[in-house]
């Protein structure tokens, strides 16, 4: 297990040999949201496939590359593409990039996703600031032997999404006149969309939206003492609420439409 730490350092060393940047902010771009990198100046790109121990995703809408750049004076790195448990990756593989970003100097992480709305006051195209999560996966990325060089055995999760960042996001949305929702994000295994019965159960348990990502990265980022902000794009209403059947193409279509916001 302790080889994992060495693998992280090997990936970091390779990236630093190719790109001399010190980002303090990272953004994980969900399905259909990768156009955000158009806002970056002085861009440099490195493919996941060239980085030691980085997996590659085959999900449509994920470009599988790190994009380094600046917004004003802030050094930022964006993940154009993430890894999902339903693709057959281990939890260590799913979250490996977060460990690498942390070692590169990232202290602040923004996680985004495209997901389904459970709260019936939501509509496709809404943005939801994530206040908390429910992990319905039954798996946690921190299960297994713990390496104290990375983080504590029992990390606190009382504030998985930083409260100051949540307020800051609300303030920014108000200044930019961008409507938003807030709520609880539920992690579902996938890759099939949820059944109507599952959605009814999730609603009773307090979920406002459901998706197949984001929570593993959130857990590891908190473990590493990073500040996390989560933003969901509601691309469809969940099964039993929506009057139409689901498709990944529709998810990408809606996410692309609201990616500027």
C-alpha atoms as a PDB file:
ATOM      1  CA  UNK A   1       0.000   0.000   0.000  1.00  0.00           C
ATOM      2  CA  UNK A   2       2.739   2.461   0.865  1.00  0.00           C
ATOM      3  CA  UNK A   3       3.848   2.349  -2.777  1.00  0.00           C
ATOM      4  CA  UNK A   4       0.829   4.612  -3.398  1.00  0.00           C
ATOM      5  CA  UNK A   5       2.703   7.584  -1.916  1.00  0.00           C
ATOM      6  CA  UNK A   6       5.665   6.908  -4.211  1.00  0.00           C
ATOM      7  CA  UNK A   7       3.320   6.699  -7.218  1.00  0.00           C
ATOM      8  CA  UNK A   8       1.886  10.118  -6.327  1.00  0.00           C
ATOM      9  CA  UNK A   9       5.380  11.617  -6.141  1.00  0.00           C
ATOM     10  CA  UNK A  10       6.373  10.004  -9.447  1.00  0.00           C
ATOM     11  CA  UNK A  11       3.351  11.538 -11.182  1.00  0.00           C
ATOM     12  CA  UNK A  12       4.100  14.933  -9.620  1.00  0.00           C
ATOM     13  CA  UNK A  13       7.757  14.781 -10.667  1.00  0.00           C
ATOM     14  CA  UNK A  14       6.754  13.990 -14.250  1.00  0.00           C
ATOM     15  CA  UNK A  15       4.259  16.877 -14.423  1.00  0.00           C
ATOM     16  CA  UNK A  16       6.814  19.291 -12.964  1.00  0.00           C
ATOM     17  CA  UNK A  17       9.374  18.168 -15.533  1.00  0.00           C
ATOM     18  CA  UNK A  18       6.965  19.214 -18.299  1.00  0.00           C
ATOM     19  CA  UNK A  19       5.186  22.240 -16.810  1.00  0.00           C
ATOM     20  CA  UNK A  20       6.708  24.746 -14.399  1.00  0.00           C
ATOM     21  CA  UNK A  21       3.574  26.006 -12.668  1.00  0.00           C
ATOM     22  CA  UNK A  22       2.475  26.230  -9.029  1.00  0.00           C
ATOM     23  CA  UNK A  23      -1.333  26.210  -9.010  1.00  0.00           C
ATOM     24  CA  UNK A  24      -3.109  26.867  -5.737  1.00  0.00           C
ATOM     25  CA  UNK A  25      -6.583  26.252  -7.214  1.00  0.00           C
ATOM     26  CA  UNK A  26      -7.934  23.222  -9.054  1.00  0.00           C
ATOM     27  CA  UNK A  27     -11.269  22.677 -10.787  1.00  0.00           C
ATOM     28  CA  UNK A  28     -12.690  19.274 -11.687  1.00  0.00           C
ATOM     29  CA  UNK A  29     -14.888  19.819 -14.740  1.00  0.00           C
ATOM     30  CA  UNK A  30     -17.906  17.547 -15.016  1.00  0.00           C
ATOM     31  CA  UNK A  31     -19.640  16.259 -18.145  1.00  0.00           C
ATOM     32  CA  UNK A  32     -20.291  19.034 -20.653  1.00  0.00           C
ATOM     33  CA  UNK A  33     -18.542  21.693 -18.543  1.00  0.00           C
ATOM     34  CA  UNK A  34     -15.043  21.497 -20.006  1.00  0.00           C
ATOM     35  CA  UNK A  35     -15.436  24.728 -22.019  1.00  0.00           C
ATOM     36  CA  UNK A  36     -14.504  26.569 -18.819  1.00  0.00           C
ATOM     37  CA  UNK A  37     -10.845  26.289 -19.831  1.00  0.00           C
ATOM     38  CA  UNK A  38     -11.525  28.876 -22.553  1.00  0.00           C
ATOM     39  CA  UNK A  39     -11.387  31.431 -19.716  1.00  0.00           C
ATOM     40  CA  UNK A  40      -7.771  30.569 -18.888  1.00  0.00           C
ATOM     41  CA  UNK A  41      -4.826  32.634 -20.080  1.00  0.00           C
ATOM     42  CA  UNK A  42      -1.291  31.380 -20.700  1.00  0.00           C
ATOM     43  CA  UNK A  43      -2.543  27.795 -21.052  1.00  0.00           C
ATOM     44  CA  UNK A  44      -0.424  24.652 -20.930  1.00  0.00           C
ATOM     45  CA  UNK A  45      -1.886  21.185 -21.426  1.00  0.00           C
ATOM     46  CA  UNK A  46      -0.725  17.732 -20.430  1.00  0.00           C
ATOM     47  CA  UNK A  47      -2.553  14.524 -21.365  1.00  0.00           C
ATOM     48  CA  UNK A  48      -3.554  12.061 -18.667  1.00  0.00           C
ATOM     49  CA  UNK A  49      -2.157   9.237 -20.768  1.00  0.00           C
ATOM     50  CA  UNK A  50       1.360  10.650 -20.414  1.00  0.00           C
ATOM     51  CA  UNK A  51       1.265  10.949 -16.610  1.00  0.00           C
ATOM     52  CA  UNK A  52       2.489   7.904 -14.652  1.00  0.00           C
ATOM     53  CA  UNK A  53      -0.331   5.969 -12.941  1.00  0.00           C
ATOM     54  CA  UNK A  54      -3.102   8.258 -14.266  1.00  0.00           C
ATOM     55  CA  UNK A  55      -6.018   6.252 -15.646  1.00  0.00           C
ATOM     56  CA  UNK A  56      -7.948   7.326 -18.738  1.00  0.00           C
ATOM     57  CA  UNK A  57     -11.709   7.758 -18.895  1.00  0.00           C
ATOM     58  CA  UNK A  58     -13.780   6.621 -21.855  1.00  0.00           C
ATOM     59  CA  UNK A  59     -16.859   8.663 -20.962  1.00  0.00           C
ATOM     60  CA  UNK A  60     -18.129  10.972 -23.689  1.00  0.00           C
ATOM     61  CA  UNK A  61     -17.669  14.636 -22.747  1.00  0.00           C
ATOM     62  CA  UNK A  62     -14.370  14.080 -20.887  1.00  0.00           C
ATOM     63  CA  UNK A  63     -11.156  15.109 -22.687  1.00  0.00           C
ATOM     64  CA  UNK A  64      -8.673  13.470 -20.294  1.00  0.00           C
ATOM     65  CA  UNK A  65      -6.167  16.262 -19.815  1.00  0.00           C
ATOM     66  CA  UNK A  66      -4.848  18.703 -17.238  1.00  0.00           C
ATOM     67  CA  UNK A  67      -5.043  22.330 -18.346  1.00  0.00           C
ATOM     68  CA  UNK A  68      -2.875  24.830 -16.486  1.00  0.00           C
ATOM     69  CA  UNK A  69      -3.470  28.564 -16.790  1.00  0.00           C
ATOM     70  CA  UNK A  70      -4.331  31.832 -15.115  1.00  0.00           C
ATOM     71  CA  UNK A  71      -7.446  33.815 -14.330  1.00  0.00           C
ATOM     72  CA  UNK A  72      -6.217  37.294 -13.392  1.00  0.00           C
ATOM     73  CA  UNK A  73      -3.371  36.568 -10.960  1.00  0.00           C
ATOM     74  CA  UNK A  74      -4.606  33.127  -9.867  1.00  0.00           C
ATOM     75  CA  UNK A  75      -2.735  30.014 -11.008  1.00  0.00           C
ATOM     76  CA  UNK A  76      -5.307  27.333 -11.784  1.00  0.00           C
ATOM     77  CA  UNK A  77      -5.259  23.759 -13.024  1.00  0.00           C
ATOM     78  CA  UNK A  78      -8.378  22.182 -14.511  1.00  0.00           C
ATOM     79  CA  UNK A  79      -9.158  18.511 -14.855  1.00  0.00           C
ATOM     80  CA  UNK A  80     -10.911  18.126 -18.204  1.00  0.00           C
ATOM     81  CA  UNK A  81     -12.334  14.742 -17.409  1.00  0.00           C
ATOM     82  CA  UNK A  82     -12.632  12.670 -14.237  1.00  0.00           C
ATOM     83  CA  UNK A  83     -12.740   8.987 -13.415  1.00  0.00           C
ATOM     84  CA  UNK A  84     -15.801   7.135 -12.193  1.00  0.00           C
ATOM     85  CA  UNK A  85     -16.179   4.046 -10.024  1.00  0.00           C
ATOM     86  CA  UNK A  86     -18.682   2.605 -12.527  1.00  0.00           C
ATOM     87  CA  UNK A  87     -15.953   2.487 -15.192  1.00  0.00           C
ATOM     88  CA  UNK A  88     -14.291  -0.282 -13.215  1.00  0.00           C
ATOM     89  CA  UNK A  89     -11.595   1.845 -11.609  1.00  0.00           C
ATOM     90  CA  UNK A  90     -10.651   1.318  -7.979  1.00  0.00           C
ATOM     91  CA  UNK A  91     -11.367   4.140  -5.564  1.00  0.00           C
ATOM     92  CA  UNK A  92      -7.621   4.797  -5.401  1.00  0.00           C
ATOM     93  CA  UNK A  93      -7.579   5.323  -9.167  1.00  0.00           C
ATOM     94  CA  UNK A  94     -10.685   7.517  -9.078  1.00  0.00           C
ATOM     95  CA  UNK A  95      -9.096   9.851  -6.522  1.00  0.00           C
ATOM     96  CA  UNK A  96      -5.433   9.561  -7.541  1.00  0.00           C
ATOM     97  CA  UNK A  97      -5.477  12.944  -9.359  1.00  0.00           C
ATOM     98  CA  UNK A  98      -6.597  14.732  -6.172  1.00  0.00           C
ATOM     99  CA  UNK A  99      -3.531  13.438  -4.312  1.00  0.00           C
ATOM    100  CA  UNK A 100      -1.350  14.577  -7.212  1.00  0.00           C
ATOM    101  CA  UNK A 101      -2.943  18.039  -7.341  1.00  0.00           C
ATOM    102  CA  UNK A 102      -2.398  18.417  -3.614  1.00  0.00           C
ATOM    103  CA  UNK A 103       1.288  17.560  -3.973  1.00  0.00           C
ATOM    104  CA  UNK A 104       1.537  20.126  -6.781  1.00  0.00           C
ATOM    105  CA  UNK A 105       0.522  22.777  -4.247  1.00  0.00           C
ATOM    106  CA  UNK A 106      -3.253  22.960  -4.711  1.00  0.00           C
ATOM    107  CA  UNK A 107      -4.994  23.995  -1.492  1.00  0.00           C
ATOM    108  CA  UNK A 108      -8.414  24.825  -2.934  1.00  0.00           C
ATOM    109  CA  UNK A 109     -10.604  22.493  -4.995  1.00  0.00           C
ATOM    110  CA  UNK A 110     -13.784  23.214  -6.934  1.00  0.00           C
ATOM    111  CA  UNK A 111     -15.680  20.092  -7.973  1.00  0.00           C
ATOM    112  CA  UNK A 112     -18.419  20.293 -10.591  1.00  0.00           C
ATOM    113  CA  UNK A 113     -20.780  17.730 -12.048  1.00  0.00           C
ATOM    114  CA  UNK A 114     -23.816  17.152 -14.225  1.00  0.00           C
ATOM    115  CA  UNK A 115     -26.559  15.440 -12.230  1.00  0.00           C
ATOM    116  CA  UNK A 116     -30.260  14.704 -11.862  1.00  0.00           C
ATOM    117  CA  UNK A 117     -32.662  16.812  -9.824  1.00  0.00           C
ATOM    118  CA  UNK A 118     -34.676  15.189  -7.030  1.00  0.00           C
ATOM    119  CA  UNK A 119     -35.954  18.373  -5.400  1.00  0.00           C
ATOM    120  CA  UNK A 120     -39.078  19.194  -7.403  1.00  0.00           C
ATOM    121  CA  UNK A 121     -38.437  22.932  -7.168  1.00  0.00           C
ATOM    122  CA  UNK A 122     -35.399  22.375  -9.419  1.00  0.00           C
ATOM    123  CA  UNK A 123     -35.398  22.579 -13.218  1.00  0.00           C
ATOM    124  CA  UNK A 124     -32.941  21.387 -15.887  1.00  0.00           C
ATOM    125  CA  UNK A 125     -30.287  24.066 -16.297  1.00  0.00           C
ATOM    126  CA  UNK A 126     -30.269  25.092 -12.625  1.00  0.00           C
ATOM    127  CA  UNK A 127     -26.967  25.351 -10.784  1.00  0.00           C
ATOM    128  CA  UNK A 128     -26.899  23.896  -7.261  1.00  0.00           C
ATOM    129  CA  UNK A 129     -24.277  24.849  -4.708  1.00  0.00           C
ATOM    130  CA  UNK A 130     -23.611  21.627  -2.804  1.00  0.00           C
ATOM    131  CA  UNK A 131     -24.059  21.979   0.956  1.00  0.00           C
ATOM    132  CA  UNK A 132     -23.513  18.339   1.914  1.00  0.00           C
ATOM    133  CA  UNK A 133     -23.470  14.832   0.446  1.00  0.00           C
ATOM    134  CA  UNK A 134     -24.849  11.349   1.052  1.00  0.00           C
ATOM    135  CA  UNK A 135     -22.649   8.455  -0.057  1.00  0.00           C
ATOM    136  CA  UNK A 136     -24.951   5.662  -1.264  1.00  0.00           C
ATOM    137  CA  UNK A 137     -22.030   3.805  -2.827  1.00  0.00           C
ATOM    138  CA  UNK A 138     -21.166   1.667   0.199  1.00  0.00           C
ATOM    139  CA  UNK A 139     -17.490   2.270  -0.645  1.00  0.00           C
ATOM    140  CA  UNK A 140     -15.117   4.934   0.669  1.00  0.00           C
ATOM    141  CA  UNK A 141     -11.816   5.944  -0.988  1.00  0.00           C
ATOM    142  CA  UNK A 142     -10.054   5.940   2.407  1.00  0.00           C
ATOM    143  CA  UNK A 143     -10.783   2.270   3.176  1.00  0.00           C
ATOM    144  CA  UNK A 144      -7.578   0.301   3.692  1.00  0.00           C
ATOM    145  CA  UNK A 145      -4.296   0.883   5.454  1.00  0.00           C
ATOM    146  CA  UNK A 146      -3.693   4.562   6.206  1.00  0.00           C
ATOM    147  CA  UNK A 147      -0.524   6.471   5.288  1.00  0.00           C
ATOM    148  CA  UNK A 148      -0.079   9.206   7.906  1.00  0.00           C
ATOM    149  CA  UNK A 149       2.062  11.190   5.447  1.00  0.00           C
ATOM    150  CA  UNK A 150      -1.144  11.912   3.553  1.00  0.00           C
ATOM    151  CA  UNK A 151      -3.751  12.383   6.254  1.00  0.00           C
ATOM    152  CA  UNK A 152      -5.333  11.112   9.487  1.00  0.00           C
ATOM    153  CA  UNK A 153      -6.968   7.711   9.920  1.00  0.00           C
ATOM    154  CA  UNK A 154     -10.314   9.280  10.878  1.00  0.00           C
ATOM    155  CA  UNK A 155     -10.744  12.600   9.046  1.00  0.00           C
ATOM    156  CA  UNK A 156     -13.479  15.012  10.111  1.00  0.00           C
ATOM    157  CA  UNK A 157     -16.318  15.462   7.625  1.00  0.00           C
ATOM    158  CA  UNK A 158     -18.458  18.026   9.456  1.00  0.00           C
ATOM    159  CA  UNK A 159     -17.794  20.618   6.738  1.00  0.00           C
ATOM    160  CA  UNK A 160     -17.102  18.710   3.497  1.00  0.00           C
ATOM    161  CA  UNK A 161     -17.917  21.824   1.471  1.00  0.00           C
ATOM    162  CA  UNK A 162     -16.266  24.894   2.946  1.00  0.00           C
ATOM    163  CA  UNK A 163     -18.863  27.210   4.500  1.00  0.00           C
ATOM    164  CA  UNK A 164     -16.960  30.389   3.631  1.00  0.00           C
ATOM    165  CA  UNK A 165     -16.656  29.253   0.033  1.00  0.00           C
ATOM    166  CA  UNK A 166     -20.364  28.439  -0.094  1.00  0.00           C
ATOM    167  CA  UNK A 167     -21.181  31.983   1.041  1.00  0.00           C
ATOM    168  CA  UNK A 168     -18.650  33.409  -1.400  1.00  0.00           C
ATOM    169  CA  UNK A 169     -20.265  31.448  -4.252  1.00  0.00           C
ATOM    170  CA  UNK A 170     -23.678  32.788  -3.258  1.00  0.00           C
ATOM    171  CA  UNK A 171     -22.329  36.352  -3.180  1.00  0.00           C
ATOM    172  CA  UNK A 172     -20.692  35.956  -6.596  1.00  0.00           C
ATOM    173  CA  UNK A 173     -23.866  34.489  -8.080  1.00  0.00           C
ATOM    174  CA  UNK A 174     -25.825  37.455  -6.724  1.00  0.00           C
ATOM    175  CA  UNK A 175     -23.367  39.975  -8.145  1.00  0.00           C
ATOM    176  CA  UNK A 176     -23.461  38.246 -11.539  1.00  0.00           C
ATOM    177  CA  UNK A 177     -27.257  37.843 -11.400  1.00  0.00           C
ATOM    178  CA  UNK A 178     -26.973  34.078 -11.821  1.00  0.00           C
ATOM    179  CA  UNK A 179     -29.836  32.193 -10.150  1.00  0.00           C
ATOM    180  CA  UNK A 180     -28.829  29.199  -8.053  1.00  0.00           C
ATOM    181  CA  UNK A 181     -30.141  26.492  -5.765  1.00  0.00           C
ATOM    182  CA  UNK A 182     -28.550  24.862  -2.737  1.00  0.00           C
ATOM    183  CA  UNK A 183     -28.878  21.273  -1.603  1.00  0.00           C
ATOM    184  CA  UNK A 184     -27.567  17.833  -0.773  1.00  0.00           C
ATOM    185  CA  UNK A 185     -25.884  15.715  -3.446  1.00  0.00           C
ATOM    186  CA  UNK A 186     -26.388  11.941  -3.377  1.00  0.00           C
ATOM    187  CA  UNK A 187     -23.755   9.641  -4.867  1.00  0.00           C
ATOM    188  CA  UNK A 188     -25.209   6.716  -6.827  1.00  0.00           C
ATOM    189  CA  UNK A 189     -23.214   3.822  -8.219  1.00  0.00           C
ATOM    190  CA  UNK A 190     -24.304   3.938 -11.875  1.00  0.00           C
ATOM    191  CA  UNK A 191     -23.783   3.492 -14.762  1.00  0.00           C
ATOM    192  CA  UNK A 192     -27.513   2.929 -15.220  1.00  0.00           C
ATOM    193  CA  UNK A 193     -29.737   5.829 -14.305  1.00  0.00           C
ATOM    194  CA  UNK A 194     -31.661   5.399 -11.046  1.00  0.00           C
ATOM    195  CA  UNK A 195     -35.084   3.771 -10.776  1.00  0.00           C
ATOM    196  CA  UNK A 196     -38.154   5.709  -9.657  1.00  0.00           C
ATOM    197  CA  UNK A 197     -38.236   3.699  -6.409  1.00  0.00           C
ATOM    198  CA  UNK A 198     -34.614   4.544  -5.667  1.00  0.00           C
ATOM    199  CA  UNK A 199     -35.296   8.243  -6.244  1.00  0.00           C
ATOM    200  CA  UNK A 200     -38.266   8.134  -3.852  1.00  0.00           C
ATOM    201  CA  UNK A 201     -36.004   6.571  -1.220  1.00  0.00           C
ATOM    202  CA  UNK A 202     -33.224   9.106  -1.789  1.00  0.00           C
ATOM    203  CA  UNK A 203     -35.734  11.950  -1.451  1.00  0.00           C
ATOM    204  CA  UNK A 204     -36.968  10.638   1.899  1.00  0.00           C
ATOM    205  CA  UNK A 205     -33.353  10.481   3.089  1.00  0.00           C
ATOM    206  CA  UNK A 206     -32.769  14.158   2.268  1.00  0.00           C
ATOM    207  CA  UNK A 207     -31.158  14.231  -1.181  1.00  0.00           C
ATOM    208  CA  UNK A 208     -31.849  17.135  -3.554  1.00  0.00           C
ATOM    209  CA  UNK A 209     -29.811  15.839  -6.501  1.00  0.00           C
ATOM    210  CA  UNK A 210     -28.233  12.578  -7.568  1.00  0.00           C
ATOM    211  CA  UNK A 211     -25.118  11.792  -9.582  1.00  0.00           C
ATOM    212  CA  UNK A 212     -22.284   9.326 -10.134  1.00  0.00           C
ATOM    213  CA  UNK A 213     -19.184  11.335  -9.145  1.00  0.00           C
ATOM    214  CA  UNK A 214     -17.809  14.164  -6.969  1.00  0.00           C
ATOM    215  CA  UNK A 215     -18.103  12.569  -3.511  1.00  0.00           C
ATOM    216  CA  UNK A 216     -14.894  10.456  -3.693  1.00  0.00           C
ATOM    217  CA  UNK A 217     -12.894  13.555  -4.672  1.00  0.00           C
ATOM    218  CA  UNK A 218     -14.585  15.541  -1.905  1.00  0.00           C
ATOM    219  CA  UNK A 219     -13.687  12.940   0.728  1.00  0.00           C
ATOM    220  CA  UNK A 220     -10.030  12.755  -0.303  1.00  0.00           C
ATOM    221  CA  UNK A 221      -9.701  16.536  -0.587  1.00  0.00           C
ATOM    222  CA  UNK A 222     -10.975  16.922   2.992  1.00  0.00           C
ATOM    223  CA  UNK A 223      -8.620  14.159   4.091  1.00  0.00           C
ATOM    224  CA  UNK A 224      -5.791  16.224   2.590  1.00  0.00           C
ATOM    225  CA  UNK A 225      -7.038  19.413   4.331  1.00  0.00           C
ATOM    226  CA  UNK A 226      -8.046  21.117   1.082  1.00  0.00           C
ATOM    227  CA  UNK A 227     -10.919  23.619   0.952  1.00  0.00           C
ATOM    228  CA  UNK A 228     -13.718  22.338  -1.288  1.00  0.00           C
ATOM    229  CA  UNK A 229     -16.564  24.027  -3.163  1.00  0.00           C
ATOM    230  CA  UNK A 230     -19.068  21.890  -5.052  1.00  0.00           C
ATOM    231  CA  UNK A 231     -21.353  23.043  -7.873  1.00  0.00           C
ATOM    232  CA  UNK A 232     -23.841  20.756  -9.621  1.00  0.00           C
ATOM    233  CA  UNK A 233     -25.486  21.411 -12.943  1.00  0.00           C
ATOM    234  CA  UNK A 234     -29.012  19.964 -12.873  1.00  0.00           C
ATOM    235  CA  UNK A 235     -29.195  18.527 -16.385  1.00  0.00           C
ATOM    236  CA  UNK A 236     -32.392  16.491 -15.994  1.00  0.00           C
ATOM    237  CA  UNK A 237     -35.030  15.666 -13.422  1.00  0.00           C
ATOM    238  CA  UNK A 238     -34.589  12.250 -11.868  1.00  0.00           C
ATOM    239  CA  UNK A 239     -36.548   9.108 -12.755  1.00  0.00           C
ATOM    240  CA  UNK A 240     -40.169   9.252 -11.645  1.00  0.00           C
ATOM    241  CA  UNK A 241     -40.108  13.063 -11.680  1.00  0.00           C
ATOM    242  CA  UNK A 242     -39.048  13.556 -15.277  1.00  0.00           C
ATOM    243  CA  UNK A 243     -41.711  12.819 -17.899  1.00  0.00           C
ATOM    244  CA  UNK A 244     -39.095  11.678 -20.424  1.00  0.00           C
ATOM    245  CA  UNK A 245     -36.501   8.913 -20.539  1.00  0.00           C
ATOM    246  CA  UNK A 246     -32.855   9.723 -19.774  1.00  0.00           C
ATOM    247  CA  UNK A 247     -29.885   9.895 -22.148  1.00  0.00           C
ATOM    248  CA  UNK A 248     -26.261  10.974 -21.728  1.00  0.00           C
ATOM    249  CA  UNK A 249     -26.631  13.110 -24.870  1.00  0.00           C
ATOM    250  CA  UNK A 250     -29.323  15.213 -23.174  1.00  0.00           C
ATOM    251  CA  UNK A 251     -27.096  15.584 -20.090  1.00  0.00           C
ATOM    252  CA  UNK A 252     -24.270  16.961 -22.238  1.00  0.00           C
ATOM    253  CA  UNK A 253     -26.635  19.244 -24.149  1.00  0.00           C
ATOM    254  CA  UNK A 254     -27.951  20.947 -21.007  1.00  0.00           C
ATOM    255  CA  UNK A 255     -24.527  21.128 -19.350  1.00  0.00           C
ATOM    256  CA  UNK A 256     -23.037  22.800 -22.430  1.00  0.00           C
ATOM    257  CA  UNK A 257     -25.869  25.324 -22.444  1.00  0.00           C
ATOM    258  CA  UNK A 258     -25.244  26.509 -18.870  1.00  0.00           C
ATOM    259  CA  UNK A 259     -21.456  26.080 -18.742  1.00  0.00           C
ATOM    260  CA  UNK A 260     -20.869  29.839 -19.129  1.00  0.00           C
ATOM    261  CA  UNK A 261     -22.779  30.498 -15.894  1.00  0.00           C
END
